[in-house]
Amino acid sequence: MTTADAAPTAGPETSLGGETTMALFGAGFAVTAWSTGTILAKYIDMDPLAIGIYRFSVFFIVLATWMTARGARLRPSIMRHSAIGGVALGADIALFFTAVKLTSVVNATVIGSLQPVIVGILAVRFFGEKIRGSDAVWALLAVAAAVAVVLTGNPAEESSWRGDLLAVGALVSWSAYFIASKQSRGTLTAQEFTLGTAAWTAIICLPIGLAFDQDLSWPSATNWAWLAVMILSAGVAGHTVMNWSLQRIPVWVGSTFTLFIPVASALLAWALLGEPVTAVQAVAMAAVIGALAIIVRNQRADAGA
């Protein structure tokens, strides 16, 4: 176990409330980092699964090098214990990017926004997490507002039931990844789980990319530069921090935080790409942020922060 994952010792600086607060802000930081992926993908001239293969392969190498330099032992069992999470993450990436080729991005994104509902049910059933009625209401409000952000900000596109079905598969896989991350505590550190899932994701995306005739050729220098930014943001700042946070906060809370991704993506697209934000979108974004803020406040209060 690394220092970052060690159990906190007694003292005000490492109290349960303080650690919960750090994990809550960590989850918020992670989903903000994930939201950059949509923007960065616009600058990378590569097929989607090729991006996944190179992104997670390099991320694995970087993380393994960093952990080794810190004295961590890269046990073979890491791959075994992270297999479910890795297969889930790899399936999510493959299914989602395949789905958007067959159905509209709006349909795929809206279906994906239902993740907190699935994770919330599983969290209560398998982890015994308690969700107060008011928090459930705020979470559902955030889901509805996130869906509104997507529906009011994208032009109509042709949809397909086959693509929608694949998007449902991606939703299930993305939910399973969060559950596996939560379950990994006590078996793997957050860094070990992230390392293993990165390797599994690259392994899974490779044959699927070949099967769908994706161009997997070596990236250009420009693409490598943008891939590096994506690895640092969505990988290091996204997956690593979120997995650390999920081991310290209720998994339903971490899942609900993902509703901020379409909000942050829309704001980044407005600031960097000049994409317009409608008045209805702005109101929906404010509703997502407000609902999440209330959930965070309640979680901090429960932890005594």
Protein backbone atom coordinates (compact mmCIF):
# COMPACT_ATOMS: atom_id res chain seq x y z
CA MET A 1 0.00 0.00 0.00
CA THR A 2 1.36 3.36 -0.94
CA THR A 3 1.42 6.38 1.31
CA ALA A 4 -1.41 8.03 -0.60
CA ASP A 5 -3.69 5.03 0.02
CA ALA A 6 -2.75 4.30 3.58
CA ALA A 7 -5.47 4.51 6.20
CA PRO A 8 -5.52 7.89 7.94
CA THR A 9 -3.99 8.19 11.37
CA ALA A 10 -5.63 9.96 14.28
CA GLY A 11 -5.62 13.70 14.26
CA PRO A 12 -7.68 16.60 12.95
CA GLU A 13 -5.85 16.76 9.64
CA THR A 14 -6.81 13.17 8.79
CA SER A 15 -10.25 12.98 10.39
CA LEU A 16 -13.04 11.17 8.63
CA GLY A 17 -14.65 14.50 7.79
CA GLY A 18 -11.44 15.87 6.33
CA GLU A 19 -10.81 12.79 4.21
CA THR A 20 -14.41 12.77 2.99
CA THR A 21 -14.10 16.41 1.97
CA MET A 22 -10.90 15.65 0.05
CA ALA A 23 -12.56 12.70 -1.67
CA LEU A 24 -15.63 14.76 -2.62
CA PHE A 25 -13.51 17.49 -4.14
CA GLY A 26 -11.37 14.81 -5.75
CA ALA A 27 -14.44 13.33 -7.46
CA GLY A 28 -15.41 16.79 -8.69
CA PHE A 29 -11.90 17.37 -9.97
CA ALA A 30 -11.90 13.98 -11.72
CA VAL A 31 -15.14 14.49 -13.64
CA THR A 32 -13.99 17.95 -14.68
CA ALA A 33 -10.81 16.35 -16.04
CA TRP A 34 -12.89 13.70 -17.85
CA SER A 35 -14.94 16.43 -19.50
CA THR A 36 -11.85 17.62 -21.37
CA GLY A 37 -11.84 14.37 -23.34
CA THR A 38 -14.67 15.51 -25.62
CA ILE A 39 -12.81 18.72 -26.44
CA LEU A 40 -9.41 17.07 -26.90
CA ALA A 41 -10.89 14.42 -29.20
CA LYS A 42 -11.74 17.19 -31.67
CA TYR A 43 -8.02 17.95 -32.03
CA ILE A 44 -6.91 14.33 -32.45
CA ASP A 45 -7.16 13.07 -36.02
CA MET A 46 -7.50 9.38 -35.15
CA ASP A 47 -10.23 6.75 -35.03
CA PRO A 48 -11.92 6.48 -31.61
CA LEU A 49 -10.67 3.02 -30.67
CA ALA A 50 -7.16 3.92 -31.81
CA ILE A 51 -7.27 6.81 -29.36
CA GLY A 52 -8.33 4.37 -26.64
CA ILE A 53 -5.53 1.92 -27.42
CA TYR A 54 -2.71 4.47 -27.47
CA ARG A 55 -4.14 6.53 -24.62
CA PHE A 56 -4.46 3.65 -22.17
CA SER A 57 -1.27 1.88 -23.27
CA VAL A 58 0.83 4.97 -22.63
CA PHE A 59 -1.11 5.72 -19.46
CA PHE A 60 -0.25 2.22 -18.21
CA ILE A 61 3.45 2.72 -18.97
CA VAL A 62 3.56 6.15 -17.32
CA LEU A 63 1.71 4.99 -14.20
CA ALA A 64 3.79 1.81 -13.90
CA THR A 65 7.02 3.82 -14.19
CA TRP A 66 5.83 6.34 -11.58
CA MET A 67 4.75 3.61 -9.14
CA THR A 68 8.03 1.71 -9.57
CA ALA A 69 10.03 4.88 -8.96
CA ARG A 70 8.13 5.32 -5.68
CA GLY A 71 9.06 1.81 -4.60
CA ALA A 72 5.74 0.10 -5.30
CA ARG A 73 5.86 -3.58 -6.20
CA LEU A 74 3.96 -4.33 -9.41
CA ARG A 75 2.41 -7.65 -8.41
CA PRO A 76 1.06 -10.01 -11.10
CA SER A 77 -2.13 -10.27 -9.06
CA ILE A 78 -2.94 -6.66 -9.96
CA MET A 79 -4.13 -7.82 -13.37
CA ARG A 80 -6.27 -10.55 -11.85
CA HIS A 81 -7.93 -8.35 -9.24
CA SER A 82 -8.55 -5.51 -11.69
CA ALA A 83 -9.92 -7.72 -14.47
CA ILE A 84 -13.61 -7.00 -13.90
CA GLY A 85 -13.06 -3.26 -13.74
CA GLY A 86 -10.73 -3.31 -16.72
CA VAL A 87 -13.07 -5.36 -18.88
CA ALA A 88 -15.93 -3.05 -17.89
CA LEU A 89 -13.99 0.11 -18.77
CA GLY A 90 -12.74 -1.36 -22.04
CA ALA A 91 -16.24 -2.49 -22.98
CA ASP A 92 -17.63 0.95 -22.13
CA ILE A 93 -15.19 2.71 -24.46
CA ALA A 94 -15.67 0.21 -27.28
CA LEU A 95 -19.46 0.11 -27.00
CA PHE A 96 -19.96 3.86 -26.61
CA PHE A 97 -17.80 4.86 -29.57
CA THR A 98 -19.39 2.15 -31.68
CA ALA A 99 -22.84 3.34 -30.57
CA VAL A 100 -22.26 6.92 -31.71
CA LYS A 101 -21.45 5.60 -35.18
CA LEU A 102 -24.93 4.02 -35.39
CA THR A 103 -27.12 6.37 -33.37
CA SER A 104 -27.10 10.02 -32.40
CA VAL A 105 -24.60 11.40 -29.88
CA VAL A 106 -27.61 12.84 -28.05
CA ASN A 107 -29.20 9.39 -27.59
CA ALA A 108 -25.93 7.81 -26.47
CA THR A 109 -25.17 10.62 -24.02
CA VAL A 110 -28.68 10.71 -22.55
CA ILE A 111 -28.61 6.94 -22.02
CA GLY A 112 -25.21 7.28 -20.35
CA SER A 113 -26.59 9.96 -18.03
CA LEU A 114 -28.74 7.30 -16.37
CA GLN A 115 -25.67 5.73 -14.74
CA PRO A 116 -26.33 7.22 -11.27
CA VAL A 117 -29.72 5.52 -11.19
CA ILE A 118 -28.20 2.07 -11.82
CA VAL A 119 -25.24 2.63 -9.50
CA GLY A 120 -27.51 4.00 -6.78
CA ILE A 121 -29.67 0.85 -6.84
CA LEU A 122 -26.58 -1.40 -6.76
CA ALA A 123 -24.96 0.68 -4.02
CA VAL A 124 -27.96 0.15 -1.75
CA ARG A 125 -28.25 -3.54 -2.62
CA PHE A 126 -24.61 -4.65 -2.44
CA PHE A 127 -22.80 -2.05 -0.33
CA GLY A 128 -25.56 -1.22 2.10
CA GLU A 129 -25.24 2.49 1.31
CA LYS A 130 -27.98 4.68 2.74
CA ILE A 131 -29.46 7.29 0.44
CA ARG A 132 -31.71 9.75 2.26
CA GLY A 133 -34.88 10.70 0.44
CA SER A 134 -33.83 14.31 -0.10
CA ASP A 135 -30.50 13.25 -1.62
CA ALA A 136 -32.33 10.87 -3.98
CA VAL A 137 -34.55 13.75 -5.09
CA TRP A 138 -31.56 16.03 -5.70
CA ALA A 139 -29.74 13.26 -7.58
CA LEU A 140 -32.75 12.65 -9.83
CA LEU A 141 -33.03 16.39 -10.42
CA ALA A 142 -29.37 16.42 -11.46
CA VAL A 143 -30.04 13.51 -13.85
CA ALA A 144 -32.98 15.34 -15.43
CA ALA A 145 -31.01 18.58 -15.71
CA ALA A 146 -28.01 16.80 -17.26
CA VAL A 147 -30.32 15.22 -19.84
CA ALA A 148 -31.72 18.69 -20.57
CA VAL A 149 -28.19 20.04 -21.10
CA VAL A 150 -27.61 17.38 -23.75
CA LEU A 151 -31.00 17.58 -25.45
CA THR A 152 -31.02 21.36 -25.78
CA GLY A 153 -27.47 21.72 -26.99
CA ASN A 154 -27.18 19.31 -29.90
CA PRO A 155 -28.83 19.27 -33.30
CA ALA A 156 -31.12 16.42 -34.19
CA GLU A 157 -29.29 13.41 -35.60
CA GLU A 158 -30.45 10.13 -37.05
CA SER A 159 -30.90 7.47 -34.41
CA SER A 160 -30.92 3.70 -34.55
CA TRP A 161 -32.21 1.10 -32.12
CA ARG A 162 -29.02 -0.91 -32.67
CA GLY A 163 -26.91 2.06 -31.65
CA ASP A 164 -29.21 2.77 -28.71
CA LEU A 165 -28.83 -0.86 -27.59
CA LEU A 166 -25.03 -0.53 -27.73
CA ALA A 167 -25.32 2.67 -25.68
CA VAL A 168 -27.26 0.71 -23.06
CA GLY A 169 -24.41 -1.80 -23.05
CA ALA A 170 -21.97 1.06 -22.50
CA LEU A 171 -24.15 2.32 -19.65
CA VAL A 172 -24.06 -1.08 -17.95
CA SER A 173 -20.29 -1.34 -18.47
CA TRP A 174 -19.62 2.18 -17.14
CA SER A 175 -21.73 1.37 -14.06
CA ALA A 176 -19.85 -1.89 -13.52
CA TYR A 177 -16.54 0.00 -13.64
CA PHE A 178 -17.62 2.21 -10.73
CA ILE A 179 -18.83 -0.78 -8.72
CA ALA A 180 -15.55 -2.63 -9.35
CA SER A 181 -13.56 0.42 -8.28
CA LYS A 182 -15.49 0.56 -5.01
CA GLN A 183 -15.03 -3.16 -4.42
CA SER A 184 -11.28 -2.96 -5.00
CA ARG A 185 -10.59 -1.33 -1.64
CA GLY A 186 -8.87 -3.83 0.63
CA THR A 187 -7.52 -5.76 -2.36
CA LEU A 188 -5.80 -3.10 -4.46
CA THR A 189 -4.74 0.47 -3.86
CA ALA A 190 -6.35 3.07 -6.09
CA GLN A 191 -3.13 3.34 -8.12
CA GLU A 192 -2.95 -0.44 -8.59
CA PHE A 193 -6.59 -0.65 -9.68
CA THR A 194 -6.07 2.22 -12.14
CA LEU A 195 -2.91 0.56 -13.48
CA GLY A 196 -4.62 -2.77 -14.06
CA THR A 197 -7.75 -1.32 -15.66
CA ALA A 198 -5.62 0.80 -18.01
CA ALA A 199 -3.85 -2.34 -19.25
CA TRP A 200 -7.11 -4.26 -19.65
CA THR A 201 -8.74 -1.40 -21.54
CA ALA A 202 -5.92 -1.23 -24.08
CA ILE A 203 -5.97 -5.02 -24.48
CA ILE A 204 -9.73 -5.08 -25.10
CA CYS A 205 -9.80 -2.13 -27.49
CA LEU A 206 -7.12 -3.66 -29.76
CA PRO A 207 -9.04 -6.65 -31.20
CA ILE A 208 -12.28 -4.65 -31.37
CA GLY A 209 -10.48 -1.88 -33.25
CA LEU A 210 -9.11 -4.43 -35.71
CA ALA A 211 -12.53 -6.07 -36.10
CA PHE A 212 -14.15 -2.72 -36.93
CA ASP A 213 -11.36 -1.82 -39.36
CA GLN A 214 -10.17 1.17 -37.32
CA ASP A 215 -6.97 2.87 -38.45
CA LEU A 216 -4.49 1.90 -35.72
CA SER A 217 -1.40 3.33 -37.39
CA TRP A 218 1.26 5.16 -35.38
CA PRO A 219 0.04 8.66 -34.37
CA SER A 220 1.60 11.78 -35.84
CA ALA A 221 3.62 14.15 -33.67
CA THR A 222 0.65 16.47 -33.34
CA ASN A 223 -1.65 13.64 -32.33
CA TRP A 224 0.91 12.44 -29.79
CA ALA A 225 0.98 15.91 -28.25
CA TRP A 226 -2.79 15.96 -27.81
CA LEU A 227 -2.78 12.36 -26.60
CA ALA A 228 -0.28 13.37 -23.92
CA VAL A 229 -2.61 16.11 -22.74
CA MET A 230 -5.52 13.64 -22.70
CA ILE A 231 -3.49 11.11 -20.72
CA LEU A 232 -2.56 13.70 -18.10
CA SER A 233 -6.08 15.11 -17.82
CA ALA A 234 -8.53 12.24 -18.32
CA GLY A 235 -6.06 9.58 -17.16
CA VAL A 236 -3.90 10.90 -14.33
CA ALA A 237 -6.30 13.59 -13.11
CA GLY A 238 -9.45 11.65 -14.01
CA HIS A 239 -9.23 7.90 -13.43
CA THR A 240 -6.54 7.95 -10.73
CA VAL A 241 -8.23 10.61 -8.61
CA MET A 242 -11.73 9.20 -9.06
CA ASN A 243 -10.64 5.69 -8.07
CA TRP A 244 -8.98 7.14 -4.96
CA SER A 245 -12.17 9.05 -4.15
CA LEU A 246 -14.51 6.09 -4.73
CA GLN A 247 -12.66 4.15 -2.03
CA ARG A 248 -13.57 6.91 0.45
CA ILE A 249 -17.06 8.14 -0.46
CA PRO A 250 -20.33 6.35 -1.27
CA VAL A 251 -20.18 5.03 -4.81
CA TRP A 252 -23.61 6.53 -5.61
CA VAL A 253 -22.17 9.98 -4.83
CA GLY A 254 -19.19 9.45 -7.12
CA SER A 255 -21.51 8.25 -9.85
CA THR A 256 -23.78 11.27 -9.45
CA PHE A 257 -20.75 13.51 -9.95
CA THR A 258 -20.47 12.22 -13.53
CA LEU A 259 -23.54 14.31 -14.35
CA PHE A 260 -21.23 17.30 -14.28
CA ILE A 261 -19.34 15.99 -17.34
CA PRO A 262 -21.82 17.26 -19.99
CA VAL A 263 -21.99 20.58 -18.14
CA ALA A 264 -18.22 21.05 -18.06
CA SER A 265 -17.88 19.82 -21.64
CA ALA A 266 -20.46 22.34 -22.86
CA LEU A 267 -18.76 25.17 -20.96
CA LEU A 268 -15.34 24.21 -22.34
CA ALA A 269 -16.75 23.98 -25.86
CA TRP A 270 -18.25 27.46 -25.41
CA ALA A 271 -14.99 28.93 -24.05
CA LEU A 272 -12.52 27.17 -26.38
CA LEU A 273 -14.47 26.31 -29.52
CA GLY A 274 -17.04 29.07 -29.58
CA GLU A 275 -19.96 26.65 -29.46
CA PRO A 276 -23.12 28.46 -28.27
CA VAL A 277 -24.84 27.80 -24.96
CA THR A 278 -28.61 28.31 -25.06
CA ALA A 279 -30.58 29.94 -22.25
CA VAL A 280 -32.28 26.64 -21.46
CA GLN A 281 -28.89 24.94 -21.31
CA ALA A 282 -27.61 27.58 -18.92
CA VAL A 283 -30.54 27.04 -16.57
CA ALA A 284 -30.09 23.25 -16.76
CA MET A 285 -26.37 23.59 -16.04
CA ALA A 286 -27.11 25.72 -12.99
CA ALA A 287 -29.58 23.07 -11.81
CA VAL A 288 -26.96 20.30 -12.12
CA ILE A 289 -24.36 22.33 -10.25
CA GLY A 290 -26.85 23.35 -7.55
CA ALA A 291 -28.09 19.80 -6.98
CA LEU A 292 -24.54 18.44 -6.77
CA ALA A 293 -23.56 21.22 -4.35
CA ILE A 294 -26.40 20.25 -2.02
CA ILE A 295 -25.42 16.57 -2.16
CA VAL A 296 -21.81 17.49 -1.34
CA ARG A 297 -22.95 19.65 1.57
CA ASN A 298 -25.05 16.80 2.96
CA GLN A 299 -22.21 14.29 2.62
CA ARG A 300 -19.79 16.62 4.42
CA ALA A 301 -22.33 17.11 7.19
CA ASP A 302 -22.80 13.34 7.56
CA ALA A 303 -19.02 12.92 7.85
CA GLY A 304 -18.75 15.69 10.43
CA ALA A 305 -16.68 17.96 8.18
